[in-house]
Amino acid sequence: MMLSWVTAGSKPDLKPLPYPVIGSLNGVHMFGANHDANLVSTTTEHTKLVWRVYHDSITLIVISVDQRASDSQLQRFLDNVFNSMVLLLGLDELITIKNVERLKRDLRSCYRLIDCLMESSEMYGDVTGCVDVIVCQEQLILQDYLDSFVNSADSTFGCLLVSGKVAVATTKWWDLTGQEMYLLSLLARVLPPGSSKDIPVYLPHGSPNVPHRLLNFQILQGVEVCVLCGPTPSLTEVETELLDRYWRPSMESLRSCLRINLRGFPSNITVHIGVLGLIIMNVDLHKCLGTVHPLSSEESQKQGKSLSIARRRDILRSFYQSVTGTVFPPTPGTTPPEVVENGHGDGLASESPVEPHTEFVHSALDTYVIGEDHKCYATREGPYQIYVLFSKDVPKYALRSISMTTLSSLTKDKLF
């Protein structure tokens, strides 16, 4: 089965592909497969196309007008699309298709989530394969509130979201894969408005065939708490008996987190005035912090005329995409188009083997790019990677020292 859609309601400027075009794209892929050739990607004058087959059941095709996107980035996007479907429908429904028309109807529940994957935002988890986080000074206090709340809900999986980014989470939540954490955070963003929700979800890697309940509660505008649990307790029980008891004392701490939402880290952590944006990753814990508002409002005014926010975001994302998988090793987190059997006999989608980056004979630790109106620098140390966007006025010799100082400031107290 091959699926293609652009939901007109949320993407009015895009039209669905004509069926003859869809048929041709699927046909050329099938033709190659019948002749022992695996068609992975191709380019035209204005577009790039990537095919991906999952479990010999569903074929997804992405058509991108951004030819700078690498095959690995587009494959990651398709993996996110497929695992969004697994998240809401379960793997069995997708690989054992009994009624195609019914499956098409069921897939409508995934449209809002997939639309969100296609939209440009201030999140970076779609390209990094990690979950977006926010670092706040009240982290330890909020961690205690969260742990107590989750334990009282008879669970060990929970997180606190501030504007869609993870502020704190339980130890078990961090044990989820980066893709699972990213998709769960994204799902919380696209759920219909309401103070509380109870949604059945499947963990694409950990439990693709057995559903869990995702309980989602809005504490403040922009602040939500999520709990993964079994059949009990009920949504009403948690909302009426636990929510107010555990979270009312935390209101001032939560408001403090909201105030640094755009910046992403506390005001007592300073960065060089020439820094326009950054992405920092903890590859081991599948966390990423990305921002194009690294300075205070006063510092931004001193900076004078600079790149627009949209341009900063575009440059930063493009720089990351050009470095990872070529200069730096690709970050793990994509899903292969097959199922492997684990020791318990459950069909679990394993993560793709990481192919070595063979552009260089040595292992690069640093790289930089000089543009007409900006400079970029990336470095990695231990589990951390940092990608920094600088103004054009920062001298080249200072790029590494500023990047390392920024990395140290954000990681020295184990905040990240």
Protein backbone atom coordinates (compact mmCIF):
# COMPACT_ATOMS: atom_id res chain seq x y z
CA MET A 1 0.00 0.00 0.00
CA MET A 2 1.30 3.47 -0.87
CA LEU A 3 0.04 6.55 0.97
CA SER A 4 0.11 10.18 -0.14
CA TRP A 5 -1.67 13.18 1.31
CA VAL A 6 -1.59 16.90 1.89
CA THR A 7 -4.47 17.88 4.13
CA ALA A 8 -6.09 20.87 2.47
CA GLY A 9 -7.49 22.29 5.69
CA SER A 10 -4.11 23.04 7.24
CA LYS A 11 -2.11 23.37 4.02
CA PRO A 12 -4.31 25.49 1.75
CA ASP A 13 -1.39 26.53 -0.43
CA LEU A 14 -0.53 22.93 -1.34
CA LYS A 15 -2.59 20.66 -3.56
CA PRO A 16 -2.66 16.86 -3.44
CA LEU A 17 -0.65 15.18 -6.16
CA PRO A 18 -2.71 13.94 -9.14
CA TYR A 19 -3.33 10.21 -9.01
CA PRO A 20 -1.41 9.58 -12.28
CA VAL A 21 1.68 11.16 -10.70
CA ILE A 22 1.25 9.13 -7.50
CA GLY A 23 0.83 5.98 -9.58
CA SER A 24 3.94 6.76 -11.62
CA LEU A 25 6.07 7.36 -8.53
CA ASN A 26 4.89 4.11 -6.98
CA GLY A 27 5.23 2.28 -10.28
CA VAL A 28 8.84 3.24 -10.91
CA HIS A 29 9.74 2.08 -7.40
CA MET A 30 7.95 -1.26 -7.92
CA PHE A 31 9.63 -1.66 -11.31
CA GLY A 32 13.03 -1.30 -9.70
CA ALA A 33 12.14 -3.74 -6.92
CA ASN A 34 11.03 -6.34 -9.48
CA HIS A 35 14.47 -6.06 -11.09
CA ASP A 36 16.44 -6.32 -7.83
CA ALA A 37 17.08 -2.57 -7.70
CA ASN A 38 16.20 -0.54 -4.64
CA LEU A 39 15.23 2.98 -5.64
CA VAL A 40 16.05 5.16 -2.62
CA SER A 41 16.08 8.71 -3.98
CA THR A 42 16.32 10.87 -7.06
CA THR A 43 16.32 14.55 -8.01
CA THR A 44 14.61 16.61 -10.66
CA GLU A 45 15.29 20.19 -11.69
CA HIS A 46 13.34 21.61 -8.76
CA THR A 47 12.65 18.74 -6.33
CA LYS A 48 14.15 15.82 -4.46
CA LEU A 49 12.27 12.54 -3.95
CA VAL A 50 12.89 9.79 -1.39
CA TRP A 51 11.09 6.43 -1.14
CA ARG A 52 10.86 4.32 2.03
CA VAL A 53 9.11 0.93 2.43
CA TYR A 54 7.96 -0.25 5.85
CA HIS A 55 7.38 -3.92 6.68
CA ASP A 56 6.66 -4.74 3.00
CA SER A 57 3.28 -3.15 3.63
CA ILE A 58 3.35 0.64 3.36
CA THR A 59 5.42 2.81 1.03
CA LEU A 60 5.93 6.46 1.87
CA ILE A 61 7.29 8.99 -0.60
CA VAL A 62 8.48 12.49 0.26
CA ILE A 63 8.85 15.21 -2.37
CA SER A 64 10.94 18.14 -1.16
CA VAL A 65 11.57 21.45 -2.90
CA ASP A 66 14.58 21.95 -0.60
CA GLN A 67 17.35 20.21 -2.51
CA ARG A 68 19.79 20.95 0.32
CA ALA A 69 18.06 18.26 2.39
CA SER A 70 20.10 15.06 2.50
CA ASP A 71 18.72 11.57 1.97
CA SER A 72 19.21 10.83 5.68
CA GLN A 73 17.20 13.90 6.72
CA LEU A 74 14.31 13.05 4.39
CA GLN A 75 14.42 9.43 5.55
CA ARG A 76 14.24 10.68 9.14
CA PHE A 77 11.16 12.69 8.17
CA LEU A 78 9.52 9.59 6.66
CA ASP A 79 10.43 7.58 9.76
CA ASN A 80 8.74 10.23 11.88
CA VAL A 81 5.65 10.06 9.65
CA PHE A 82 5.46 6.27 9.85
CA ASN A 83 6.04 6.22 13.60
CA SER A 84 3.37 8.89 14.03
CA MET A 85 0.97 6.39 12.50
CA VAL A 86 2.31 3.63 14.78
CA LEU A 87 1.93 5.96 17.77
CA LEU A 88 -1.80 6.42 17.20
CA LEU A 89 -2.86 3.22 15.41
CA GLY A 90 -0.39 0.51 16.45
CA LEU A 91 1.95 -1.49 14.26
CA ASP A 92 -0.41 -4.43 13.70
CA GLU A 93 -2.99 -2.18 12.02
CA LEU A 94 -0.35 -1.02 9.54
CA ILE A 95 1.32 -4.30 8.62
CA THR A 96 -1.79 -6.52 8.65
CA ILE A 97 -4.15 -4.50 6.49
CA LYS A 98 -7.57 -6.16 6.34
CA ASN A 99 -9.57 -3.26 4.97
CA VAL A 100 -7.77 -0.51 3.04
CA GLU A 101 -10.67 1.94 3.17
CA ARG A 102 -11.02 1.53 6.92
CA LEU A 103 -7.28 2.14 7.33
CA LYS A 104 -7.53 5.33 5.30
CA ARG A 105 -10.30 6.55 7.59
CA ASP A 106 -8.31 5.64 10.70
CA LEU A 107 -5.29 7.49 9.37
CA ARG A 108 -7.19 10.76 9.52
CA SER A 109 -6.44 10.82 13.24
CA CYS A 110 -2.75 11.16 12.29
CA TYR A 111 -3.14 14.14 9.96
CA ARG A 112 -2.72 16.88 12.58
CA LEU A 113 0.46 15.25 13.89
CA ILE A 114 1.91 14.77 10.40
CA ASP A 115 0.97 18.33 9.42
CA CYS A 116 2.97 19.50 12.43
CA LEU A 117 5.97 17.49 11.19
CA MET A 118 5.76 19.36 7.90
CA GLU A 119 5.64 22.82 9.44
CA SER A 120 8.63 24.97 10.27
CA SER A 121 8.76 25.84 13.97
CA GLU A 122 11.12 26.79 16.76
CA MET A 123 11.58 23.10 17.53
CA TYR A 124 14.59 21.19 16.23
CA GLY A 125 13.72 17.61 17.19
CA ASP A 126 12.59 16.83 13.64
CA VAL A 127 16.14 17.26 12.31
CA THR A 128 18.16 16.18 15.37
CA GLY A 129 16.20 13.07 16.27
CA CYS A 130 16.19 14.29 19.89
CA VAL A 131 13.48 15.83 22.05
CA ASP A 132 13.45 19.62 22.48
CA VAL A 133 14.09 20.73 26.05
CA ILE A 134 14.15 23.92 28.09
CA VAL A 135 16.65 24.46 30.93
CA CYS A 136 15.34 26.41 33.92
CA GLN A 137 16.76 27.33 37.32
CA GLU A 138 13.78 25.70 39.05
CA GLN A 139 14.66 22.31 37.60
CA LEU A 140 15.31 20.51 40.90
CA ILE A 141 12.14 21.84 42.52
CA LEU A 142 9.98 20.92 39.53
CA GLN A 143 11.61 17.48 39.35
CA ASP A 144 10.44 16.75 42.91
CA TYR A 145 6.89 17.87 42.09
CA LEU A 146 6.83 15.75 38.95
CA ASP A 147 8.21 12.60 40.58
CA SER A 148 5.67 12.81 43.40
CA PHE A 149 2.78 13.44 41.01
CA VAL A 150 3.73 10.59 38.66
CA ASN A 151 4.25 8.13 41.52
CA SER A 152 0.82 9.00 42.93
CA ALA A 153 -0.64 8.23 39.50
CA ASP A 154 0.84 4.69 39.73
CA SER A 155 3.32 5.35 36.93
CA THR A 156 7.03 5.86 36.39
CA PHE A 157 6.72 7.67 33.04
CA GLY A 158 6.00 11.39 33.08
CA CYS A 159 7.22 14.76 31.87
CA LEU A 160 6.51 18.47 32.25
CA LEU A 161 6.19 20.44 29.01
CA VAL A 162 6.71 24.20 28.72
CA SER A 163 5.52 25.46 25.32
CA GLY A 164 5.98 21.93 23.96
CA LYS A 165 9.54 21.52 25.29
CA VAL A 166 10.49 19.13 28.10
CA ALA A 167 11.43 21.01 31.28
CA VAL A 168 11.80 17.94 33.51
CA ALA A 169 11.01 14.25 33.12
CA THR A 170 11.19 11.06 35.15
CA THR A 171 14.11 8.67 34.75
CA LYS A 172 11.92 6.17 32.87
CA TRP A 173 10.75 8.86 30.47
CA TRP A 174 14.38 9.53 29.52
CA ASP A 175 14.74 5.79 28.83
CA LEU A 176 12.37 6.18 25.87
CA THR A 177 14.02 6.67 22.48
CA GLY A 178 14.58 10.19 21.23
CA GLN A 179 11.98 9.65 18.53
CA GLU A 180 9.35 8.45 21.01
CA MET A 181 9.93 11.44 23.29
CA TYR A 182 9.83 13.83 20.34
CA LEU A 183 6.58 12.40 18.93
CA LEU A 184 4.88 12.33 22.34
CA SER A 185 5.80 16.00 22.89
CA LEU A 186 4.55 16.84 19.41
CA LEU A 187 1.30 14.98 20.04
CA ALA A 188 0.70 17.04 23.18
CA ARG A 189 1.01 20.20 21.05
CA VAL A 190 -1.62 19.15 18.50
CA LEU A 191 -4.23 17.72 20.85
CA PRO A 192 -7.56 19.61 20.83
CA PRO A 193 -7.83 22.39 23.45
CA GLY A 194 -8.93 21.24 26.88
CA SER A 195 -7.78 21.02 30.46
CA SER A 196 -7.32 17.24 30.41
CA LYS A 197 -7.06 14.46 27.82
CA ASP A 198 -6.81 10.67 27.85
CA ILE A 199 -5.32 9.29 24.62
CA PRO A 200 -4.37 5.68 23.77
CA VAL A 201 -0.85 5.57 22.32
CA TYR A 202 1.59 2.91 21.16
CA LEU A 203 5.31 3.35 21.71
CA PRO A 204 6.87 2.78 18.25
CA HIS A 205 10.00 1.14 19.68
CA GLY A 206 9.02 -0.01 23.15
CA SER A 207 5.43 -1.21 22.73
CA PRO A 208 4.21 -0.98 19.11
CA ASN A 209 1.32 -3.42 19.56
CA VAL A 210 0.15 -2.89 23.14
CA PRO A 211 -1.36 0.55 23.88
CA HIS A 212 -0.69 2.76 26.88
CA ARG A 213 -2.74 5.72 28.06
CA LEU A 214 -1.28 9.18 27.67
CA LEU A 215 -2.83 11.46 30.30
CA ASN A 216 -2.32 15.13 29.50
CA PHE A 217 -3.23 17.99 31.86
CA GLN A 218 -2.90 21.73 31.32
CA ILE A 219 -1.58 23.41 34.46
CA LEU A 220 -1.12 26.89 33.01
CA GLN A 221 -1.44 28.31 29.52
CA GLY A 222 1.60 26.80 27.82
CA VAL A 223 2.43 24.38 30.64
CA GLU A 224 1.32 20.73 30.55
CA VAL A 225 2.13 17.56 32.42
CA CYS A 226 2.02 14.16 30.70
CA VAL A 227 1.83 10.70 32.27
CA LEU A 228 2.03 7.32 30.54
CA CYS A 229 0.06 4.72 32.47
CA GLY A 230 -2.03 1.56 32.26
CA PRO A 231 -5.78 1.05 32.77
CA THR A 232 -5.75 2.85 36.12
CA PRO A 233 -6.11 5.45 37.53
CA SER A 234 -8.96 7.18 35.72
CA LEU A 235 -8.54 10.62 34.17
CA THR A 236 -11.12 12.09 36.55
CA GLU A 237 -9.38 10.60 39.58
CA VAL A 238 -6.01 12.12 38.67
CA GLU A 239 -7.54 15.49 37.77
CA THR A 240 -9.67 15.88 40.88
CA GLU A 241 -7.48 14.23 43.51
CA LEU A 242 -3.86 14.74 42.41
CA LEU A 243 -3.42 17.62 39.99
CA ASP A 244 -4.17 20.56 42.27
CA ARG A 245 -2.52 18.95 45.30
CA TYR A 246 0.85 18.52 43.64
CA TRP A 247 1.03 21.45 41.21
CA ARG A 248 -0.61 24.41 42.96
CA PRO A 249 2.53 25.05 45.10
CA SER A 250 4.67 25.15 41.93
CA MET A 251 2.91 28.03 40.13
CA GLU A 252 5.65 30.64 40.59
CA SER A 253 8.32 28.19 39.42
CA LEU A 254 6.26 27.34 36.35
CA ARG A 255 5.76 31.02 35.50
CA SER A 256 9.52 31.52 35.74
CA CYS A 257 10.00 28.73 33.19
CA LEU A 258 7.50 30.34 30.84
CA ARG A 259 9.41 33.61 30.94
CA ILE A 260 12.53 31.99 29.43
CA ASN A 261 10.61 29.95 26.86
CA LEU A 262 12.10 31.61 23.77
CA ARG A 263 15.63 31.76 25.12
CA GLY A 264 15.51 28.23 26.50
CA PHE A 265 17.97 28.68 29.36
CA PRO A 266 18.28 30.86 32.51
CA SER A 267 19.17 34.53 32.36
CA ASN A 268 22.16 34.01 34.68
CA ILE A 269 23.87 32.06 31.87
CA THR A 270 25.41 34.63 29.53
CA VAL A 271 26.58 34.14 25.97
CA HIS A 272 28.74 36.27 23.72
CA ILE A 273 26.93 39.21 22.14
CA GLY A 274 27.89 37.93 18.69
CA VAL A 275 25.89 34.69 19.09
CA LEU A 276 22.68 34.77 17.05
CA GLY A 277 21.47 31.24 17.70
CA LEU A 278 22.56 27.78 18.77
CA ILE A 279 21.66 24.10 18.92
CA ILE A 280 23.19 22.04 21.71
CA MET A 281 22.64 18.28 21.90
CA ASN A 282 23.21 15.57 24.47
CA VAL A 283 23.35 12.58 22.14
CA ASP A 284 23.39 9.99 24.96
CA LEU A 285 20.18 11.35 26.55
CA HIS A 286 18.49 12.30 23.25
CA LYS A 287 18.07 15.95 24.30
CA CYS A 288 18.44 19.08 22.22
CA LEU A 289 18.15 22.75 23.10
CA GLY A 290 17.74 25.13 20.19
CA THR A 291 17.20 28.87 20.20
CA VAL A 292 17.54 31.92 17.97
CA HIS A 293 16.93 34.23 20.96
CA PRO A 294 20.11 33.63 22.98
CA LEU A 295 20.49 37.21 24.23
CA SER A 296 18.45 39.33 26.61
CA SER A 297 16.38 42.14 25.11
CA GLU A 298 18.98 44.69 26.26
CA GLU A 299 21.83 42.75 24.66
CA SER A 300 19.85 42.32 21.46
CA GLN A 301 19.43 46.10 21.22
CA LYS A 302 23.18 46.57 21.64
CA GLN A 303 23.71 44.04 18.86
CA GLY A 304 22.12 46.45 16.39
CA LYS A 305 20.81 45.42 12.99
CA SER A 306 21.04 41.67 12.56
CA LEU A 307 19.56 38.73 10.70
CA SER A 308 15.81 38.20 10.95
CA ILE A 309 14.55 35.46 13.27
CA ALA A 310 13.28 33.40 10.32
CA ARG A 311 16.64 33.65 8.55
CA ARG A 312 18.53 32.70 11.70
CA ARG A 313 16.38 29.60 12.09
CA ASP A 314 16.83 28.64 8.43
CA ILE A 315 20.63 29.05 8.56
CA LEU A 316 20.94 27.12 11.82
CA ARG A 317 18.83 24.19 10.59
CA SER A 318 20.65 24.11 7.25
CA PHE A 319 24.05 24.21 8.98
CA TYR A 320 23.10 21.30 11.22
CA GLN A 321 21.83 19.30 8.24
CA SER A 322 25.00 19.95 6.25
CA VAL A 323 27.28 18.84 9.10
CA THR A 324 25.60 15.78 10.60
CA GLY A 325 26.16 12.61 8.59
CA THR A 326 29.04 14.16 6.65
CA VAL A 327 31.53 15.93 8.91
CA PHE A 328 30.06 14.53 12.15
CA PRO A 329 28.64 11.01 12.51
CA PRO A 330 24.86 10.81 11.99
CA THR A 331 22.85 10.87 15.17
CA PRO A 332 21.02 7.58 15.83
CA GLY A 333 17.27 7.45 15.82
CA THR A 334 15.88 6.41 12.45
CA THR A 335 13.72 3.34 12.09
CA PRO A 336 14.46 0.62 9.54
CA PRO A 337 11.72 -0.53 7.20
CA GLU A 338 11.44 -3.95 8.82
CA VAL A 339 10.64 -5.62 12.13
CA VAL A 340 13.05 -7.66 14.20
CA GLU A 341 12.10 -10.15 16.87
CA ASN A 342 13.30 -9.51 20.39
CA GLY A 343 13.96 -12.17 22.96
CA HIS A 344 10.33 -12.10 24.12
CA GLY A 345 8.88 -12.69 20.69
CA ASP A 346 7.45 -9.18 20.32
CA GLY A 347 7.82 -7.44 16.98
CA LEU A 348 9.70 -4.27 17.82
CA ALA A 349 10.91 -1.69 15.34
CA SER A 350 14.64 -1.47 15.95
CA GLU A 351 16.73 1.58 15.22
CA SER A 352 18.65 1.79 11.96
CA PRO A 353 22.28 0.81 12.08
CA VAL A 354 24.35 3.96 11.94
CA GLU A 355 26.32 4.02 8.73
CA PRO A 356 29.84 5.38 9.13
CA HIS A 357 30.45 8.84 7.78
CA THR A 358 33.14 8.26 5.16
CA GLU A 359 33.62 11.74 3.79
CA PHE A 360 36.91 11.96 5.73
CA VAL A 361 39.56 9.45 6.72
CA HIS A 362 39.80 11.06 10.18
CA SER A 363 37.20 11.79 12.84
CA ALA A 364 36.42 15.52 12.69
CA LEU A 365 35.72 17.35 15.94
CA ASP A 366 35.20 20.88 14.65
CA THR A 367 33.95 22.58 11.50
CA TYR A 368 32.93 26.08 10.45
CA VAL A 369 31.33 27.97 7.59
CA ILE A 370 31.82 31.61 6.62
CA GLY A 371 28.92 33.35 4.85
CA GLU A 372 28.42 36.88 3.59
CA ASP A 373 26.28 37.92 6.55
CA HIS A 374 27.06 35.29 9.18
CA LYS A 375 29.47 32.64 10.46
CA CYS A 376 28.73 29.14 11.81
CA TYR A 377 30.78 26.87 14.04
CA ALA A 378 30.19 23.32 15.27
CA THR A 379 32.14 21.22 17.72
CA ARG A 380 31.60 18.02 19.69
CA GLU A 381 32.96 16.90 23.04
CA GLY A 382 31.92 13.68 24.78
CA PRO A 383 28.15 13.22 24.46
CA TYR A 384 27.65 16.88 23.53
CA GLN A 385 27.46 18.63 20.18
CA ILE A 386 26.98 22.38 19.72
CA TYR A 387 26.14 24.30 16.55
CA VAL A 388 26.46 28.09 16.85
CA LEU A 389 25.33 30.86 14.51
CA PHE A 390 27.44 34.04 14.80
CA SER A 391 27.12 37.54 13.42
CA LYS A 392 29.54 38.35 10.61
CA ASP A 393 31.51 40.69 12.91
CA VAL A 394 32.84 37.92 15.17
CA PRO A 395 36.44 37.18 14.08
CA LYS A 396 37.17 33.69 12.81
CA TYR A 397 39.83 33.00 15.43
CA ALA A 398 37.27 33.52 18.23
CA LEU A 399 34.62 31.10 16.96
CA ARG A 400 35.95 28.02 18.74
CA SER A 401 36.64 29.64 22.09
CA ILE A 402 33.18 31.25 22.21
CA SER A 403 31.52 27.95 21.22
CA MET A 404 33.41 26.00 23.90
CA THR A 405 32.64 28.63 26.55
CA THR A 406 28.95 28.51 25.64
CA LEU A 407 28.95 24.71 25.78
CA SER A 408 30.65 24.74 29.18
CA SER A 409 28.19 27.30 30.58
CA LEU A 410 25.19 25.15 29.66
CA THR A 411 26.61 21.81 30.80
CA LYS A 412 28.85 22.49 33.81
CA ASP A 413 26.07 22.19 36.43
CA LYS A 414 24.53 19.18 34.70
CA LEU A 415 21.51 21.27 33.80
CA PHE A 416 21.49 19.72 30.35
